[in-house]
Amino acid sequence: MKVLGMLLTLGLAVSVIGQQPSVLPLKSRIPLRNVKGRIDHFSIDVKGQRFFATANANHTLEVIDLRAGQQVYSIPDLDTPQGVFYDPSTNRLFVANEGDGTVKTFDGTTFQLLQTAKLSSDADNIRYDARGKHIVVGYGGEKFLAGKAVRGEGDGALAILDSAGKKLSSIAMDAHPESFQIEKAGTRAFVNVPDHQEVEVADMIQGKVLAHWRVTVCTTNFPMALDEADHRLFVGCRMPPRLAVFDTETGKVIASPAIVEHTDDMFYDAGKRRIYIIGNGLTETWQQKDPDHYERIGRDVTPGTGPTGFFSPDLEELFKVIPSRGPEGAELLVYGTN
């Protein structure tokens, strides 16, 4: 009995140690009607309080009114949409599609199709190049999932589009580019290329890759975030689940703590100096103590199997979508960031 009591006490102690306070209070839940299957990436219209979600398996782009707490529009007949970006300066909406490799540009008010740029295949993540005022889209190339090839070698690249959605040029990558980040004060783009287990560093003006940074502490490097002020690049890995923190001046990894499993999105909150890492069913919050040291301060249950989300520094809110689960429909969850 004494041994059993000791074991129970030890188990309780481990459980308490493993628990951390919530730093992401749930503020609202918005039902998403008639949205089936996987949901991928997101964007936001801060002024108009509209949220955009690529319903990948549903072949739609969903428009949600955050003030009203409801869907207000659905753009249909998209070929497996993945990335989306809303440009407030032009009121245009850019949607990257995996199936046909297109980037479709829509009017942000009427949702009329304005332009279609055809890339080779698998148009994926979208970012905005503030210096050049360009839309940048990762596409094509060799791609592996779960250790198996799903597409052979090809023209993996970043496509550079003008503000109207017309392709201007491209920067060749060695394989399919996953998440990437672009400097605002500089000219570099940092690109996760998991099939080569590296970060490729490209110059947006020269239009070419300048450096290859090996990810040596882990593999399957998908999500990425950037702390430009402190010269730190955050790379999330799945095997094993680790956060690789790069010094962007040297290209060296200076920290690599264990993180939540199967992450596909992460965000840096410059105001609070935090990193939000989204995985299956959990979202971790890491506090930057200084540019070389990081401490996990929260591990919140965020339901659903989708490891993607969105952080708005303007609203100080984190968003995550729960895909439909049988009779239960999809939902958009809105979290505050305490």
C-alpha atoms as a PDB file:
ATOM      1  CA  MET A   1       0.000   0.000   0.000  1.00  0.00           C
ATOM      2  CA  LYS A   2       2.888   2.359   0.802  1.00  0.00           C
ATOM      3  CA  VAL A   3       4.424   1.620  -2.619  1.00  0.00           C
ATOM      4  CA  LEU A   4       1.053   2.219  -4.336  1.00  0.00           C
ATOM      5  CA  GLY A   5       0.639   5.487  -2.426  1.00  0.00           C
ATOM      6  CA  MET A   6       4.097   6.610  -3.446  1.00  0.00           C
ATOM      7  CA  LEU A   7       3.390   5.793  -7.096  1.00  0.00           C
ATOM      8  CA  LEU A   8       0.087   7.675  -7.018  1.00  0.00           C
ATOM      9  CA  THR A   9       1.760  10.681  -5.421  1.00  0.00           C
ATOM     10  CA  LEU A  10       4.546  10.604  -8.016  1.00  0.00           C
ATOM     11  CA  GLY A  11       2.030  10.329 -10.855  1.00  0.00           C
ATOM     12  CA  LEU A  12       0.067  13.286  -9.518  1.00  0.00           C
ATOM     13  CA  ALA A  13       3.255  15.341  -9.208  1.00  0.00           C
ATOM     14  CA  VAL A  14       4.268  14.568 -12.802  1.00  0.00           C
ATOM     15  CA  SER A  15       0.748  15.460 -13.983  1.00  0.00           C
ATOM     16  CA  VAL A  16       0.816  18.803 -12.174  1.00  0.00           C
ATOM     17  CA  ILE A  17       4.291  19.602 -13.496  1.00  0.00           C
ATOM     18  CA  GLY A  18       3.099  18.807 -17.036  1.00  0.00           C
ATOM     19  CA  GLN A  19       0.193  21.242 -16.755  1.00  0.00           C
ATOM     20  CA  GLN A  20       0.663  24.904 -17.584  1.00  0.00           C
ATOM     21  CA  PRO A  21      -1.729  27.845 -17.245  1.00  0.00           C
ATOM     22  CA  SER A  22      -3.807  28.903 -20.221  1.00  0.00           C
ATOM     23  CA  VAL A  23      -2.510  31.944 -22.044  1.00  0.00           C
ATOM     24  CA  LEU A  24      -4.981  31.561 -24.919  1.00  0.00           C
ATOM     25  CA  PRO A  25      -8.519  32.085 -23.563  1.00  0.00           C
ATOM     26  CA  LEU A  26     -11.283  31.067 -25.970  1.00  0.00           C
ATOM     27  CA  LYS A  27     -13.276  34.178 -26.950  1.00  0.00           C
ATOM     28  CA  SER A  28     -15.754  32.863 -29.515  1.00  0.00           C
ATOM     29  CA  ARG A  29     -16.776  29.954 -31.739  1.00  0.00           C
ATOM     30  CA  ILE A  30     -18.141  30.587 -35.222  1.00  0.00           C
ATOM     31  CA  PRO A  31     -19.888  27.679 -37.000  1.00  0.00           C
ATOM     32  CA  LEU A  32     -18.912  27.050 -40.625  1.00  0.00           C
ATOM     33  CA  ARG A  33     -21.879  25.601 -42.479  1.00  0.00           C
ATOM     34  CA  ASN A  34     -21.474  23.145 -45.356  1.00  0.00           C
ATOM     35  CA  VAL A  35     -17.691  23.028 -45.083  1.00  0.00           C
ATOM     36  CA  LYS A  36     -16.396  19.469 -45.271  1.00  0.00           C
ATOM     37  CA  GLY A  37     -12.919  18.039 -44.875  1.00  0.00           C
ATOM     38  CA  ARG A  38      -9.484  19.556 -44.470  1.00  0.00           C
ATOM     39  CA  ILE A  39      -9.019  23.313 -44.064  1.00  0.00           C
ATOM     40  CA  ASP A  40      -5.586  24.758 -44.771  1.00  0.00           C
ATOM     41  CA  HIS A  41      -4.370  28.370 -44.507  1.00  0.00           C
ATOM     42  CA  PHE A  42      -5.903  31.757 -43.645  1.00  0.00           C
ATOM     43  CA  SER A  43      -5.753  35.527 -44.033  1.00  0.00           C
ATOM     44  CA  ILE A  44      -7.562  38.505 -42.536  1.00  0.00           C
ATOM     45  CA  ASP A  45      -9.021  41.883 -43.418  1.00  0.00           C
ATOM     46  CA  VAL A  46      -8.361  43.729 -40.151  1.00  0.00           C
ATOM     47  CA  LYS A  47     -10.251  46.925 -41.037  1.00  0.00           C
ATOM     48  CA  GLY A  48     -13.276  45.088 -42.426  1.00  0.00           C
ATOM     49  CA  GLN A  49     -13.128  42.402 -39.703  1.00  0.00           C
ATOM     50  CA  ARG A  50     -13.302  39.593 -42.267  1.00  0.00           C
ATOM     51  CA  PHE A  51     -11.502  36.265 -42.015  1.00  0.00           C
ATOM     52  CA  PHE A  52     -10.624  34.111 -45.047  1.00  0.00           C
ATOM     53  CA  ALA A  53     -10.176  30.329 -44.876  1.00  0.00           C
ATOM     54  CA  THR A  54      -9.135  27.945 -47.640  1.00  0.00           C
ATOM     55  CA  ALA A  55     -11.473  24.960 -47.374  1.00  0.00           C
ATOM     56  CA  ASN A  56      -9.034  22.661 -49.127  1.00  0.00           C
ATOM     57  CA  ALA A  57     -11.146  19.509 -49.432  1.00  0.00           C
ATOM     58  CA  ASN A  58     -14.357  21.517 -49.911  1.00  0.00           C
ATOM     59  CA  HIS A  59     -12.859  23.385 -52.906  1.00  0.00           C
ATOM     60  CA  THR A  60     -14.029  26.729 -51.562  1.00  0.00           C
ATOM     61  CA  LEU A  61     -12.716  29.928 -50.021  1.00  0.00           C
ATOM     62  CA  GLU A  62     -14.832  30.830 -47.005  1.00  0.00           C
ATOM     63  CA  VAL A  63     -15.394  34.439 -45.959  1.00  0.00           C
ATOM     64  CA  ILE A  64     -16.324  34.966 -42.285  1.00  0.00           C
ATOM     65  CA  ASP A  65     -17.597  38.212 -40.748  1.00  0.00           C
ATOM     66  CA  LEU A  66     -15.898  38.371 -37.345  1.00  0.00           C
ATOM     67  CA  ARG A  67     -18.196  41.095 -35.996  1.00  0.00           C
ATOM     68  CA  ALA A  68     -21.364  39.204 -36.921  1.00  0.00           C
ATOM     69  CA  GLY A  69     -19.832  35.831 -36.078  1.00  0.00           C
ATOM     70  CA  GLN A  70     -20.985  34.106 -39.260  1.00  0.00           C
ATOM     71  CA  GLN A  71     -20.078  33.114 -42.800  1.00  0.00           C
ATOM     72  CA  VAL A  72     -21.030  35.718 -45.366  1.00  0.00           C
ATOM     73  CA  TYR A  73     -19.701  34.319 -48.637  1.00  0.00           C
ATOM     74  CA  SER A  74     -18.161  31.234 -50.225  1.00  0.00           C
ATOM     75  CA  ILE A  75     -16.086  31.296 -53.427  1.00  0.00           C
ATOM     76  CA  PRO A  76     -16.793  27.928 -55.099  1.00  0.00           C
ATOM     77  CA  ASP A  77     -15.068  25.672 -57.656  1.00  0.00           C
ATOM     78  CA  LEU A  78     -11.474  26.179 -56.545  1.00  0.00           C
ATOM     79  CA  ASP A  79      -9.094  23.311 -57.303  1.00  0.00           C
ATOM     80  CA  THR A  80      -7.911  22.356 -53.813  1.00  0.00           C
ATOM     81  CA  PRO A  81      -7.072  25.808 -52.390  1.00  0.00           C
ATOM     82  CA  GLN A  82      -4.153  26.041 -49.955  1.00  0.00           C
ATOM     83  CA  GLY A  83      -2.778  29.565 -49.490  1.00  0.00           C
ATOM     84  CA  VAL A  84      -4.647  32.866 -49.250  1.00  0.00           C
ATOM     85  CA  PHE A  85      -3.630  36.500 -48.806  1.00  0.00           C
ATOM     86  CA  TYR A  86      -5.784  39.617 -48.547  1.00  0.00           C
ATOM     87  CA  ASP A  87      -4.088  42.845 -49.639  1.00  0.00           C
ATOM     88  CA  PRO A  88      -5.804  45.818 -47.963  1.00  0.00           C
ATOM     89  CA  SER A  89      -3.955  48.336 -50.158  1.00  0.00           C
ATOM     90  CA  THR A  90      -5.643  47.014 -53.308  1.00  0.00           C
ATOM     91  CA  ASN A  91      -8.666  45.240 -51.789  1.00  0.00           C
ATOM     92  CA  ARG A  92      -7.660  42.092 -53.655  1.00  0.00           C
ATOM     93  CA  LEU A  93      -7.780  38.500 -52.503  1.00  0.00           C
ATOM     94  CA  PHE A  94      -5.166  36.016 -53.758  1.00  0.00           C
ATOM     95  CA  VAL A  95      -5.858  32.268 -53.557  1.00  0.00           C
ATOM     96  CA  ALA A  96      -3.207  29.618 -54.349  1.00  0.00           C
ATOM     97  CA  ASN A  97      -4.534  26.256 -55.555  1.00  0.00           C
ATOM     98  CA  GLU A  98      -2.794  22.920 -55.188  1.00  0.00           C
ATOM     99  CA  GLY A  99      -4.773  21.040 -57.836  1.00  0.00           C
ATOM    100  CA  ASP A 100      -4.262  23.144 -60.959  1.00  0.00           C
ATOM    101  CA  GLY A 101      -1.285  25.196 -59.784  1.00  0.00           C
ATOM    102  CA  THR A 102      -3.065  28.522 -60.224  1.00  0.00           C
ATOM    103  CA  VAL A 103      -3.128  31.712 -58.211  1.00  0.00           C
ATOM    104  CA  LYS A 104      -6.521  33.336 -58.618  1.00  0.00           C
ATOM    105  CA  THR A 105      -7.032  37.024 -57.842  1.00  0.00           C
ATOM    106  CA  PHE A 106     -10.473  38.202 -56.716  1.00  0.00           C
ATOM    107  CA  ASP A 107     -12.023  41.583 -56.023  1.00  0.00           C
ATOM    108  CA  GLY A 108     -12.186  41.862 -52.240  1.00  0.00           C
ATOM    109  CA  THR A 109     -15.726  43.284 -52.271  1.00  0.00           C
ATOM    110  CA  THR A 110     -17.586  41.575 -55.115  1.00  0.00           C
ATOM    111  CA  PHE A 111     -15.357  38.430 -55.166  1.00  0.00           C
ATOM    112  CA  GLN A 112     -15.298  38.647 -58.957  1.00  0.00           C
ATOM    113  CA  LEU A 113     -12.377  36.787 -60.539  1.00  0.00           C
ATOM    114  CA  LEU A 114      -9.912  39.367 -61.887  1.00  0.00           C
ATOM    115  CA  GLN A 115      -6.805  37.399 -62.835  1.00  0.00           C
ATOM    116  CA  THR A 116      -5.453  33.848 -63.045  1.00  0.00           C
ATOM    117  CA  ALA A 117      -1.724  33.143 -62.939  1.00  0.00           C
ATOM    118  CA  LYS A 118      -0.788  29.593 -63.980  1.00  0.00           C
ATOM    119  CA  LEU A 119       2.139  28.017 -62.189  1.00  0.00           C
ATOM    120  CA  SER A 120       3.416  24.501 -62.856  1.00  0.00           C
ATOM    121  CA  SER A 121       1.825  22.703 -59.889  1.00  0.00           C
ATOM    122  CA  ASP A 122       0.952  22.799 -56.193  1.00  0.00           C
ATOM    123  CA  ALA A 123       0.615  26.545 -55.555  1.00  0.00           C
ATOM    124  CA  ASP A 124       0.872  26.675 -51.778  1.00  0.00           C
ATOM    125  CA  ASN A 125       1.924  29.299 -49.212  1.00  0.00           C
ATOM    126  CA  ILE A 126       1.511  33.014 -49.970  1.00  0.00           C
ATOM    127  CA  ARG A 127       3.450  35.905 -48.422  1.00  0.00           C
ATOM    128  CA  TYR A 128       3.625  39.646 -49.060  1.00  0.00           C
ATOM    129  CA  ASP A 129       6.901  41.333 -49.973  1.00  0.00           C
ATOM    130  CA  ALA A 130       6.419  44.753 -48.360  1.00  0.00           C
ATOM    131  CA  ARG A 131       9.592  46.227 -49.871  1.00  0.00           C
ATOM    132  CA  GLY A 132       8.745  45.292 -53.450  1.00  0.00           C
ATOM    133  CA  LYS A 133       4.958  45.366 -52.969  1.00  0.00           C
ATOM    134  CA  HIS A 134       4.750  41.929 -54.544  1.00  0.00           C
ATOM    135  CA  ILE A 135       2.755  38.779 -53.839  1.00  0.00           C
ATOM    136  CA  VAL A 136       5.051  35.761 -53.383  1.00  0.00           C
ATOM    137  CA  VAL A 137       3.824  32.171 -53.805  1.00  0.00           C
ATOM    138  CA  GLY A 138       5.641  28.883 -53.208  1.00  0.00           C
ATOM    139  CA  TYR A 139       4.913  26.156 -55.778  1.00  0.00           C
ATOM    140  CA  GLY A 140       6.045  23.030 -57.613  1.00  0.00           C
ATOM    141  CA  GLY A 141       9.023  20.806 -57.068  1.00  0.00           C
ATOM    142  CA  GLU A 142       9.758  17.464 -55.500  1.00  0.00           C
ATOM    143  CA  LYS A 143       7.510  16.722 -52.542  1.00  0.00           C
ATOM    144  CA  PHE A 144       7.458  14.072 -49.826  1.00  0.00           C
ATOM    145  CA  LEU A 145       4.783  13.412 -47.233  1.00  0.00           C
ATOM    146  CA  ALA A 146       5.150  10.917 -44.395  1.00  0.00           C
ATOM    147  CA  GLY A 147       8.452   9.767 -45.869  1.00  0.00           C
ATOM    148  CA  LYS A 148       6.986   8.887 -49.267  1.00  0.00           C
ATOM    149  CA  ALA A 149       7.371  10.670 -52.577  1.00  0.00           C
ATOM    150  CA  VAL A 150       4.069  12.070 -53.815  1.00  0.00           C
ATOM    151  CA  ARG A 151       5.564  13.990 -56.723  1.00  0.00           C
ATOM    152  CA  GLY A 152       8.872  13.783 -58.573  1.00  0.00           C
ATOM    153  CA  GLU A 153      11.487  16.457 -59.046  1.00  0.00           C
ATOM    154  CA  GLY A 154      10.482  19.600 -60.908  1.00  0.00           C
ATOM    155  CA  ASP A 155      10.551  23.353 -60.899  1.00  0.00           C
ATOM    156  CA  GLY A 156      10.143  24.158 -57.227  1.00  0.00           C
ATOM    157  CA  ALA A 157      10.196  27.930 -56.893  1.00  0.00           C
ATOM    158  CA  LEU A 158       8.884  31.152 -55.420  1.00  0.00           C
ATOM    159  CA  ALA A 159       6.681  32.983 -57.912  1.00  0.00           C
ATOM    160  CA  ILE A 160       6.748  36.790 -57.811  1.00  0.00           C
ATOM    161  CA  LEU A 161       3.408  38.388 -58.747  1.00  0.00           C
ATOM    162  CA  ASP A 162       2.526  42.049 -59.089  1.00  0.00           C
ATOM    163  CA  SER A 163      -0.285  43.665 -57.087  1.00  0.00           C
ATOM    164  CA  ALA A 164      -2.783  42.697 -59.801  1.00  0.00           C
ATOM    165  CA  GLY A 165      -1.846  39.004 -59.641  1.00  0.00           C
ATOM    166  CA  LYS A 166       0.251  38.788 -62.830  1.00  0.00           C
ATOM    167  CA  LYS A 167       3.408  36.662 -62.645  1.00  0.00           C
ATOM    168  CA  LEU A 168       6.574  38.711 -63.050  1.00  0.00           C
ATOM    169  CA  SER A 169       9.387  36.264 -62.285  1.00  0.00           C
ATOM    170  CA  SER A 170      10.420  33.328 -60.122  1.00  0.00           C
ATOM    171  CA  ILE A 171      13.240  32.224 -57.834  1.00  0.00           C
ATOM    172  CA  ALA A 172      14.247  28.585 -58.272  1.00  0.00           C
ATOM    173  CA  MET A 173      14.282  26.296 -55.222  1.00  0.00           C
ATOM    174  CA  ASP A 174      15.780  22.810 -54.964  1.00  0.00           C
ATOM    175  CA  ALA A 175      12.435  21.189 -54.106  1.00  0.00           C
ATOM    176  CA  HIS A 176       8.926  22.152 -52.994  1.00  0.00           C
ATOM    177  CA  PRO A 177       8.954  25.264 -50.762  1.00  0.00           C
ATOM    178  CA  GLU A 178       6.862  25.006 -47.641  1.00  0.00           C
ATOM    179  CA  SER A 179       6.480  27.939 -45.217  1.00  0.00           C
ATOM    180  CA  PHE A 180       8.701  30.950 -45.867  1.00  0.00           C
ATOM    181  CA  GLN A 181       9.278  34.416 -44.432  1.00  0.00           C
ATOM    182  CA  ILE A 182      10.422  37.657 -46.083  1.00  0.00           C
ATOM    183  CA  GLU A 183      12.395  40.417 -44.414  1.00  0.00           C
ATOM    184  CA  LYS A 184      10.781  43.855 -44.277  1.00  0.00           C
ATOM    185  CA  ALA A 185      13.966  45.830 -43.637  1.00  0.00           C
ATOM    186  CA  GLY A 186      16.184  43.588 -45.764  1.00  0.00           C
ATOM    187  CA  THR A 187      15.936  41.757 -49.081  1.00  0.00           C
ATOM    188  CA  ARG A 188      16.106  38.111 -48.004  1.00  0.00           C
ATOM    189  CA  ALA A 189      13.507  35.361 -48.061  1.00  0.00           C
ATOM    190  CA  PHE A 190      13.975  32.337 -45.779  1.00  0.00           C
ATOM    191  CA  VAL A 191      12.389  29.196 -47.250  1.00  0.00           C
ATOM    192  CA  ASN A 192      11.748  25.809 -45.643  1.00  0.00           C
ATOM    193  CA  VAL A 193      12.657  23.019 -48.086  1.00  0.00           C
ATOM    194  CA  PRO A 194      11.953  19.870 -46.050  1.00  0.00           C
ATOM    195  CA  ASP A 195      12.801  17.400 -48.840  1.00  0.00           C
ATOM    196  CA  HIS A 196      16.389  18.657 -48.605  1.00  0.00           C
ATOM    197  CA  GLN A 197      16.273  19.175 -44.817  1.00  0.00           C
ATOM    198  CA  GLU A 198      17.342  22.791 -45.113  1.00  0.00           C
ATOM    199  CA  VAL A 199      16.410  26.444 -45.131  1.00  0.00           C
ATOM    200  CA  GLU A 200      17.228  28.087 -48.453  1.00  0.00           C
ATOM    201  CA  VAL A 201      18.029  31.796 -48.215  1.00  0.00           C
ATOM    202  CA  ALA A 202      17.109  33.783 -51.327  1.00  0.00           C
ATOM    203  CA  ASP A 203      17.687  37.400 -52.262  1.00  0.00           C
ATOM    204  CA  MET A 204      14.472  38.987 -53.541  1.00  0.00           C
ATOM    205  CA  ILE A 205      16.319  41.583 -55.656  1.00  0.00           C
ATOM    206  CA  GLN A 206      18.924  39.271 -57.192  1.00  0.00           C
ATOM    207  CA  GLY A 207      16.285  36.567 -57.675  1.00  0.00           C
ATOM    208  CA  LYS A 208      18.429  33.656 -56.588  1.00  0.00           C
ATOM    209  CA  VAL A 209      19.330  31.451 -53.621  1.00  0.00           C
ATOM    210  CA  LEU A 210      22.418  32.705 -51.795  1.00  0.00           C
ATOM    211  CA  ALA A 211      22.760  30.165 -48.971  1.00  0.00           C
ATOM    212  CA  HIS A 212      21.652  26.716 -47.798  1.00  0.00           C
ATOM    213  CA  TRP A 213      21.280  26.303 -44.035  1.00  0.00           C
ATOM    214  CA  ARG A 214      21.128  22.680 -42.954  1.00  0.00           C
ATOM    215  CA  VAL A 215      18.523  21.786 -40.334  1.00  0.00           C
ATOM    216  CA  THR A 216      20.685  19.382 -38.345  1.00  0.00           C
ATOM    217  CA  VAL A 217      18.672  18.949 -35.126  1.00  0.00           C
ATOM    218  CA  CYS A 218      15.485  17.555 -36.708  1.00  0.00           C
ATOM    219  CA  THR A 219      13.746  16.805 -40.024  1.00  0.00           C
ATOM    220  CA  THR A 220      10.443  17.524 -41.788  1.00  0.00           C
ATOM    221  CA  ASN A 221      10.745  21.284 -41.327  1.00  0.00           C
ATOM    222  CA  PHE A 222       7.372  22.766 -42.337  1.00  0.00           C
ATOM    223  CA  PRO A 223       6.301  25.917 -40.392  1.00  0.00           C
ATOM    224  CA  MET A 224       8.408  29.044 -39.936  1.00  0.00           C
ATOM    225  CA  ALA A 225       8.278  32.439 -38.191  1.00  0.00           C
ATOM    226  CA  LEU A 226      10.673  35.387 -38.108  1.00  0.00           C
ATOM    227  CA  ASP A 227      11.881  37.772 -35.404  1.00  0.00           C
ATOM    228  CA  GLU A 228      13.586  40.218 -37.717  1.00  0.00           C
ATOM    229  CA  ALA A 229      14.568  42.724 -35.009  1.00  0.00           C
ATOM    230  CA  ASP A 230      16.567  40.126 -33.056  1.00  0.00           C
ATOM    231  CA  HIS A 231      17.852  38.268 -36.138  1.00  0.00           C
ATOM    232  CA  ARG A 232      16.117  35.028 -35.194  1.00  0.00           C
ATOM    233  CA  LEU A 233      14.371  32.546 -37.486  1.00  0.00           C
ATOM    234  CA  PHE A 234      12.064  29.917 -35.967  1.00  0.00           C
ATOM    235  CA  VAL A 235      11.692  26.601 -37.805  1.00  0.00           C
ATOM    236  CA  GLY A 236       9.255  23.919 -36.662  1.00  0.00           C
ATOM    237  CA  CYS A 237      10.111  20.257 -37.234  1.00  0.00           C
ATOM    238  CA  ARG A 238       7.978  17.112 -36.958  1.00  0.00           C
ATOM    239  CA  MET A 239      10.639  14.380 -36.684  1.00  0.00           C
ATOM    240  CA  PRO A 240      11.476  14.720 -33.879  1.00  0.00           C
ATOM    241  CA  PRO A 241       9.182  17.588 -32.855  1.00  0.00           C
ATOM    242  CA  ARG A 242      11.589  20.439 -32.209  1.00  0.00           C
ATOM    243  CA  LEU A 243      11.899  24.191 -32.624  1.00  0.00           C
ATOM    244  CA  ALA A 244      15.126  25.064 -34.440  1.00  0.00           C
ATOM    245  CA  VAL A 245      16.105  28.672 -33.672  1.00  0.00           C
ATOM    246  CA  PHE A 246      18.499  30.095 -36.278  1.00  0.00           C
ATOM    247  CA  ASP A 247      20.683  33.171 -35.974  1.00  0.00           C
ATOM    248  CA  THR A 248      19.974  34.894 -39.319  1.00  0.00           C
ATOM    249  CA  GLU A 249      23.366  36.632 -39.268  1.00  0.00           C
ATOM    250  CA  THR A 250      25.350  33.376 -39.038  1.00  0.00           C
ATOM    251  CA  GLY A 251      22.925  30.692 -40.240  1.00  0.00           C
ATOM    252  CA  LYS A 252      23.644  28.648 -37.103  1.00  0.00           C
ATOM    253  CA  VAL A 253      21.104  26.928 -34.813  1.00  0.00           C
ATOM    254  CA  ILE A 254      21.382  28.419 -31.317  1.00  0.00           C
ATOM    255  CA  ALA A 255      18.479  26.579 -29.585  1.00  0.00           C
ATOM    256  CA  SER A 256      16.354  23.493 -30.294  1.00  0.00           C
ATOM    257  CA  PRO A 257      13.757  22.742 -27.571  1.00  0.00           C
ATOM    258  CA  ALA A 258      11.211  19.913 -27.924  1.00  0.00           C
ATOM    259  CA  ILE A 259       7.740  21.114 -28.993  1.00  0.00           C
ATOM    260  CA  VAL A 260       4.214  19.893 -29.750  1.00  0.00           C
ATOM    261  CA  GLU A 261       3.890  17.114 -32.318  1.00  0.00           C
ATOM    262  CA  HIS A 262       2.907  17.547 -35.977  1.00  0.00           C
ATOM    263  CA  THR A 263       3.066  21.311 -36.216  1.00  0.00           C
ATOM    264  CA  ASP A 264       2.171  23.023 -39.505  1.00  0.00           C
ATOM    265  CA  ASP A 265       1.916  26.668 -38.389  1.00  0.00           C
ATOM    266  CA  MET A 266       3.767  28.977 -36.018  1.00  0.00           C
ATOM    267  CA  PHE A 267       3.722  32.716 -35.424  1.00  0.00           C
ATOM    268  CA  TYR A 268       5.946  35.266 -33.718  1.00  0.00           C
ATOM    269  CA  ASP A 269       4.191  37.868 -31.558  1.00  0.00           C
ATOM    270  CA  ALA A 270       6.673  40.772 -31.566  1.00  0.00           C
ATOM    271  CA  GLY A 271       4.640  42.794 -29.071  1.00  0.00           C
ATOM    272  CA  LYS A 272       4.751  40.092 -26.409  1.00  0.00           C
ATOM    273  CA  ARG A 273       7.950  38.425 -27.681  1.00  0.00           C
ATOM    274  CA  ARG A 274       6.198  35.085 -27.927  1.00  0.00           C
ATOM    275  CA  ILE A 275       6.008  32.172 -30.355  1.00  0.00           C
ATOM    276  CA  TYR A 276       2.696  30.364 -30.895  1.00  0.00           C
ATOM    277  CA  ILE A 277       3.177  26.810 -32.204  1.00  0.00           C
ATOM    278  CA  ILE A 278       0.095  24.966 -33.465  1.00  0.00           C
ATOM    279  CA  GLY A 279      -0.049  21.172 -33.497  1.00  0.00           C
ATOM    280  CA  ASN A 280      -2.748  18.520 -33.539  1.00  0.00           C
ATOM    281  CA  GLY A 281      -5.028  19.306 -30.606  1.00  0.00           C
ATOM    282  CA  LEU A 282      -2.538  21.557 -28.808  1.00  0.00           C
ATOM    283  CA  THR A 283      -1.114  25.048 -29.168  1.00  0.00           C
ATOM    284  CA  GLU A 284       2.074  25.911 -27.299  1.00  0.00           C
ATOM    285  CA  THR A 285       3.158  29.402 -26.266  1.00  0.00           C
ATOM    286  CA  TRP A 286       6.880  30.066 -25.869  1.00  0.00           C
ATOM    287  CA  GLN A 287       8.289  33.196 -24.256  1.00  0.00           C
ATOM    288  CA  GLN A 288      11.503  34.722 -25.536  1.00  0.00           C
ATOM    289  CA  LYS A 289      13.618  35.414 -22.438  1.00  0.00           C
ATOM    290  CA  ASP A 290      16.367  36.760 -24.694  1.00  0.00           C
ATOM    291  CA  PRO A 291      17.240  35.986 -28.339  1.00  0.00           C
ATOM    292  CA  ASP A 292      19.121  32.824 -27.309  1.00  0.00           C
ATOM    293  CA  HIS A 293      16.736  31.447 -24.651  1.00  0.00           C
ATOM    294  CA  TYR A 294      13.076  30.389 -24.807  1.00  0.00           C
ATOM    295  CA  GLU A 295      10.662  29.061 -22.204  1.00  0.00           C
ATOM    296  CA  ARG A 296       7.337  27.326 -22.762  1.00  0.00           C
ATOM    297  CA  ILE A 297       4.714  29.227 -20.735  1.00  0.00           C
ATOM    298  CA  GLY A 298       1.514  27.649 -22.017  1.00  0.00           C
ATOM    299  CA  ARG A 299       0.159  24.452 -23.539  1.00  0.00           C
ATOM    300  CA  ASP A 300      -3.488  24.962 -24.477  1.00  0.00           C
ATOM    301  CA  VAL A 301      -5.900  22.359 -25.780  1.00  0.00           C
ATOM    302  CA  THR A 302      -7.139  23.654 -29.138  1.00  0.00           C
ATOM    303  CA  PRO A 303      -9.506  20.968 -30.465  1.00  0.00           C
ATOM    304  CA  GLY A 304      -9.324  19.383 -33.870  1.00  0.00           C
ATOM    305  CA  THR A 305      -6.758  17.573 -35.958  1.00  0.00           C
ATOM    306  CA  GLY A 306      -5.860  20.559 -38.164  1.00  0.00           C
ATOM    307  CA  PRO A 307      -2.367  21.836 -37.245  1.00  0.00           C
ATOM    308  CA  THR A 308      -2.821  25.203 -38.990  1.00  0.00           C
ATOM    309  CA  GLY A 309      -3.994  28.557 -37.667  1.00  0.00           C
ATOM    310  CA  PHE A 310      -3.535  32.302 -37.933  1.00  0.00           C
ATOM    311  CA  PHE A 311      -2.291  35.064 -35.646  1.00  0.00           C
ATOM    312  CA  SER A 312      -3.355  38.707 -36.001  1.00  0.00           C
ATOM    313  CA  PRO A 313      -0.983  41.088 -34.174  1.00  0.00           C
ATOM    314  CA  ASP A 314      -3.424  43.948 -34.827  1.00  0.00           C
ATOM    315  CA  LEU A 315      -6.317  42.183 -33.078  1.00  0.00           C
ATOM    316  CA  GLU A 316      -4.044  40.269 -30.670  1.00  0.00           C
ATOM    317  CA  GLU A 317      -6.015  37.132 -31.481  1.00  0.00           C
ATOM    318  CA  LEU A 318      -5.133  33.618 -32.561  1.00  0.00           C
ATOM    319  CA  PHE A 319      -7.467  31.722 -34.888  1.00  0.00           C
ATOM    320  CA  LYS A 320      -7.872  28.007 -35.457  1.00  0.00           C
ATOM    321  CA  VAL A 321     -10.421  26.049 -37.483  1.00  0.00           C
ATOM    322  CA  ILE A 322     -11.817  22.688 -36.434  1.00  0.00           C
ATOM    323  CA  PRO A 323     -12.701  20.582 -39.502  1.00  0.00           C
ATOM    324  CA  SER A 324     -16.104  18.907 -39.612  1.00  0.00           C
ATOM    325  CA  ARG A 325     -16.361  15.701 -37.552  1.00  0.00           C
ATOM    326  CA  GLY A 326     -19.219  13.571 -38.841  1.00  0.00           C
ATOM    327  CA  PRO A 327     -22.474  15.215 -37.763  1.00  0.00           C
ATOM    328  CA  GLU A 328     -20.545  18.048 -36.083  1.00  0.00           C
ATOM    329  CA  GLY A 329     -19.811  20.864 -38.491  1.00  0.00           C
ATOM    330  CA  ALA A 330     -16.606  22.848 -38.892  1.00  0.00           C
ATOM    331  CA  GLU A 331     -15.920  25.783 -36.567  1.00  0.00           C
ATOM    332  CA  LEU A 332     -13.658  28.814 -36.391  1.00  0.00           C
ATOM    333  CA  LEU A 333     -12.261  29.276 -32.882  1.00  0.00           C
ATOM    334  CA  VAL A 334     -11.031  32.714 -31.808  1.00  0.00           C
ATOM    335  CA  TYR A 335      -8.553  32.935 -28.917  1.00  0.00           C
ATOM    336  CA  GLY A 336      -7.245  35.942 -27.024  1.00  0.00           C
ATOM    337  CA  THR A 337      -3.538  36.215 -26.227  1.00  0.00           C
ATOM    338  CA  ASN A 338      -3.138  37.034 -22.528  1.00  0.00           C
END
